């Protein structure tokens, strides 16, 4: 919950002070931020859901919906805009986190 609040706070800023080292660097920031969110989501939801497939869907769905709501939120912030490409980067980060945790959980079961 704290991490989601941090993402919300960042999205509420008119500008973010970060030097751009390459084109579309912000997409990498989105991917990494939502990768971390996916890891946190897995940890949080795994307290309540044991089935790995259901847990994976829940974590990915959470990142997908939160990313969508975050882009919608940005559409109301002066100096910011909503971007489908940002949302796709958010979703990619969430799915990569989910896949990595799923594979780790499968490996843990088989050893």
C-alpha atoms as a PDB file:
ATOM      1  CA  UNK A   1       0.000   0.000   0.000  1.00  0.00           C
ATOM      2  CA  UNK A   2       2.836   2.384   0.819  1.00  0.00           C
ATOM      3  CA  UNK A   3       4.466   1.707  -2.558  1.00  0.00           C
ATOM      4  CA  UNK A   4       1.182   2.420  -4.373  1.00  0.00           C
ATOM      5  CA  UNK A   5       0.989   5.716  -2.495  1.00  0.00           C
ATOM      6  CA  UNK A   6       4.521   6.536  -3.618  1.00  0.00           C
ATOM      7  CA  UNK A   7       3.591   5.832  -7.265  1.00  0.00           C
ATOM      8  CA  UNK A   8       0.500   8.004  -6.855  1.00  0.00           C
ATOM      9  CA  UNK A   9       2.584  10.825  -5.385  1.00  0.00           C
ATOM     10  CA  UNK A  10       5.073  10.637  -8.264  1.00  0.00           C
ATOM     11  CA  UNK A  11       2.215  10.726 -10.758  1.00  0.00           C
ATOM     12  CA  UNK A  12       0.768  13.780  -9.062  1.00  0.00           C
ATOM     13  CA  UNK A  13       3.913  15.853  -9.735  1.00  0.00           C
ATOM     14  CA  UNK A  14       3.855  18.250 -12.685  1.00  0.00           C
ATOM     15  CA  UNK A  15       7.394  17.265 -13.644  1.00  0.00           C
ATOM     16  CA  UNK A  16       9.893  14.727 -12.404  1.00  0.00           C
ATOM     17  CA  UNK A  17      13.519  15.803 -12.098  1.00  0.00           C
ATOM     18  CA  UNK A  18      15.408  13.106 -13.923  1.00  0.00           C
ATOM     19  CA  UNK A  19      18.015  13.546 -16.624  1.00  0.00           C
ATOM     20  CA  UNK A  20      17.107  11.767 -19.835  1.00  0.00           C
ATOM     21  CA  UNK A  21      20.055   9.661 -20.946  1.00  0.00           C
ATOM     22  CA  UNK A  22      18.281   8.106 -23.953  1.00  0.00           C
ATOM     23  CA  UNK A  23      15.000   8.322 -25.860  1.00  0.00           C
ATOM     24  CA  UNK A  24      11.974   6.833 -24.105  1.00  0.00           C
ATOM     25  CA  UNK A  25      13.926   6.360 -20.878  1.00  0.00           C
ATOM     26  CA  UNK A  26      10.687   6.986 -18.992  1.00  0.00           C
ATOM     27  CA  UNK A  27       9.356   3.668 -20.328  1.00  0.00           C
ATOM     28  CA  UNK A  28      12.194   1.886 -18.530  1.00  0.00           C
ATOM     29  CA  UNK A  29      11.291   3.781 -15.342  1.00  0.00           C
ATOM     30  CA  UNK A  30       7.677   2.649 -15.708  1.00  0.00           C
ATOM     31  CA  UNK A  31       8.731  -0.945 -16.320  1.00  0.00           C
ATOM     32  CA  UNK A  32      11.009  -1.012 -13.273  1.00  0.00           C
ATOM     33  CA  UNK A  33       8.470   0.710 -11.018  1.00  0.00           C
ATOM     34  CA  UNK A  34       5.764  -1.796 -11.913  1.00  0.00           C
ATOM     35  CA  UNK A  35       8.185  -4.717 -11.730  1.00  0.00           C
ATOM     36  CA  UNK A  36       8.744  -3.728  -8.111  1.00  0.00           C
ATOM     37  CA  UNK A  37       4.999  -3.316  -7.646  1.00  0.00           C
ATOM     38  CA  UNK A  38       4.486  -6.825  -9.038  1.00  0.00           C
ATOM     39  CA  UNK A  39       6.975  -8.228  -6.515  1.00  0.00           C
ATOM     40  CA  UNK A  40       5.216  -6.451  -3.662  1.00  0.00           C
ATOM     41  CA  UNK A  41       1.825  -7.604  -4.948  1.00  0.00           C
ATOM     42  CA  UNK A  42       3.000 -11.236  -5.062  1.00  0.00           C
ATOM     43  CA  UNK A  43       4.274 -11.027  -1.514  1.00  0.00           C
ATOM     44  CA  UNK A  44       1.072  -9.394  -0.255  1.00  0.00           C
ATOM     45  CA  UNK A  45      -1.401 -11.623  -2.103  1.00  0.00           C
ATOM     46  CA  UNK A  46       0.514 -14.830  -1.363  1.00  0.00           C
ATOM     47  CA  UNK A  47      -0.627 -14.453   2.254  1.00  0.00           C
ATOM     48  CA  UNK A  48      -4.175 -15.180   1.072  1.00  0.00           C
ATOM     49  CA  UNK A  49      -3.862 -17.165  -2.161  1.00  0.00           C
ATOM     50  CA  UNK A  50      -1.959 -20.454  -2.402  1.00  0.00           C
ATOM     51  CA  UNK A  51      -2.665 -21.454  -6.001  1.00  0.00           C
ATOM     52  CA  UNK A  52       0.207 -20.109  -8.139  1.00  0.00           C
ATOM     53  CA  UNK A  53      -1.892 -19.649 -11.275  1.00  0.00           C
ATOM     54  CA  UNK A  54      -4.539 -17.661  -9.421  1.00  0.00           C
ATOM     55  CA  UNK A  55      -1.859 -15.692  -7.589  1.00  0.00           C
ATOM     56  CA  UNK A  56      -0.144 -14.877 -10.901  1.00  0.00           C
ATOM     57  CA  UNK A  57      -3.380 -13.651 -12.440  1.00  0.00           C
ATOM     58  CA  UNK A  58      -4.199 -11.601  -9.373  1.00  0.00           C
ATOM     59  CA  UNK A  59      -0.771  -9.925  -9.284  1.00  0.00           C
ATOM     60  CA  UNK A  60      -0.730  -9.194 -13.000  1.00  0.00           C
ATOM     61  CA  UNK A  61      -4.323  -7.956 -12.898  1.00  0.00           C
ATOM     62  CA  UNK A  62      -3.510  -5.658  -9.988  1.00  0.00           C
ATOM     63  CA  UNK A  63      -0.535  -4.115 -11.820  1.00  0.00           C
ATOM     64  CA  UNK A  64      -2.574  -3.804 -15.013  1.00  0.00           C
ATOM     65  CA  UNK A  65      -5.496  -2.032 -13.323  1.00  0.00           C
ATOM     66  CA  UNK A  66      -3.322   0.142 -11.084  1.00  0.00           C
ATOM     67  CA  UNK A  67      -1.258   1.215 -14.106  1.00  0.00           C
ATOM     68  CA  UNK A  68      -4.438   2.084 -15.985  1.00  0.00           C
ATOM     69  CA  UNK A  69      -5.792   4.080 -13.049  1.00  0.00           C
ATOM     70  CA  UNK A  70      -2.423   5.813 -12.701  1.00  0.00           C
ATOM     71  CA  UNK A  71      -2.457   6.914 -16.337  1.00  0.00           C
ATOM     72  CA  UNK A  72      -6.034   8.134 -15.941  1.00  0.00           C
ATOM     73  CA  UNK A  73      -4.960  10.071 -12.837  1.00  0.00           C
ATOM     74  CA  UNK A  74      -2.112  11.681 -14.785  1.00  0.00           C
ATOM     75  CA  UNK A  75      -4.564  12.923 -17.389  1.00  0.00           C
ATOM     76  CA  UNK A  76      -5.860  15.359 -14.736  1.00  0.00           C
ATOM     77  CA  UNK A  77      -2.439  16.588 -13.566  1.00  0.00           C
ATOM     78  CA  UNK A  78      -1.250  19.838 -15.123  1.00  0.00           C
ATOM     79  CA  UNK A  79       1.894  19.198 -17.158  1.00  0.00           C
ATOM     80  CA  UNK A  80       1.284  15.438 -17.384  1.00  0.00           C
ATOM     81  CA  UNK A  81      -0.683  13.285 -19.791  1.00  0.00           C
ATOM     82  CA  UNK A  82      -1.973   9.765 -20.081  1.00  0.00           C
ATOM     83  CA  UNK A  83      -0.039   7.459 -22.379  1.00  0.00           C
ATOM     84  CA  UNK A  84      -0.904   4.030 -23.706  1.00  0.00           C
ATOM     85  CA  UNK A  85       2.823   3.337 -24.118  1.00  0.00           C
ATOM     86  CA  UNK A  86       3.436   4.150 -20.457  1.00  0.00           C
ATOM     87  CA  UNK A  87       0.604   1.804 -19.507  1.00  0.00           C
ATOM     88  CA  UNK A  88       2.108  -0.926 -21.693  1.00  0.00           C
ATOM     89  CA  UNK A  89       5.463  -0.416 -19.948  1.00  0.00           C
ATOM     90  CA  UNK A  90       3.662  -0.634 -16.571  1.00  0.00           C
ATOM     91  CA  UNK A  91       1.939  -3.838 -17.646  1.00  0.00           C
ATOM     92  CA  UNK A  92       5.193  -5.317 -18.963  1.00  0.00           C
ATOM     93  CA  UNK A  93       6.888  -4.667 -15.629  1.00  0.00           C
ATOM     94  CA  UNK A  94       3.998  -6.306 -13.793  1.00  0.00           C
ATOM     95  CA  UNK A  95       3.981  -9.368 -16.032  1.00  0.00           C
ATOM     96  CA  UNK A  96       7.778  -9.781 -15.799  1.00  0.00           C
ATOM     97  CA  UNK A  97       7.589  -9.690 -12.005  1.00  0.00           C
ATOM     98  CA  UNK A  98       4.734 -12.183 -12.036  1.00  0.00           C
ATOM     99  CA  UNK A  99       6.552 -14.561 -14.387  1.00  0.00           C
ATOM    100  CA  UNK A 100       9.771 -14.365 -12.384  1.00  0.00           C
ATOM    101  CA  UNK A 101       7.968 -15.099  -9.114  1.00  0.00           C
ATOM    102  CA  UNK A 102       5.944 -17.886 -10.726  1.00  0.00           C
ATOM    103  CA  UNK A 103       9.100 -19.535 -12.093  1.00  0.00           C
ATOM    104  CA  UNK A 104      10.859 -19.122  -8.767  1.00  0.00           C
ATOM    105  CA  UNK A 105       7.893 -20.706  -6.961  1.00  0.00           C
ATOM    106  CA  UNK A 106       7.881 -23.630  -9.430  1.00  0.00           C
ATOM    107  CA  UNK A 107      11.610 -24.169  -8.969  1.00  0.00           C
ATOM    108  CA  UNK A 108      11.213 -24.055  -5.186  1.00  0.00           C
ATOM    109  CA  UNK A 109       8.540 -26.765  -5.324  1.00  0.00           C
ATOM    110  CA  UNK A 110      10.697 -29.072  -7.469  1.00  0.00           C
ATOM    111  CA  UNK A 111      13.830 -28.879  -5.314  1.00  0.00           C
END
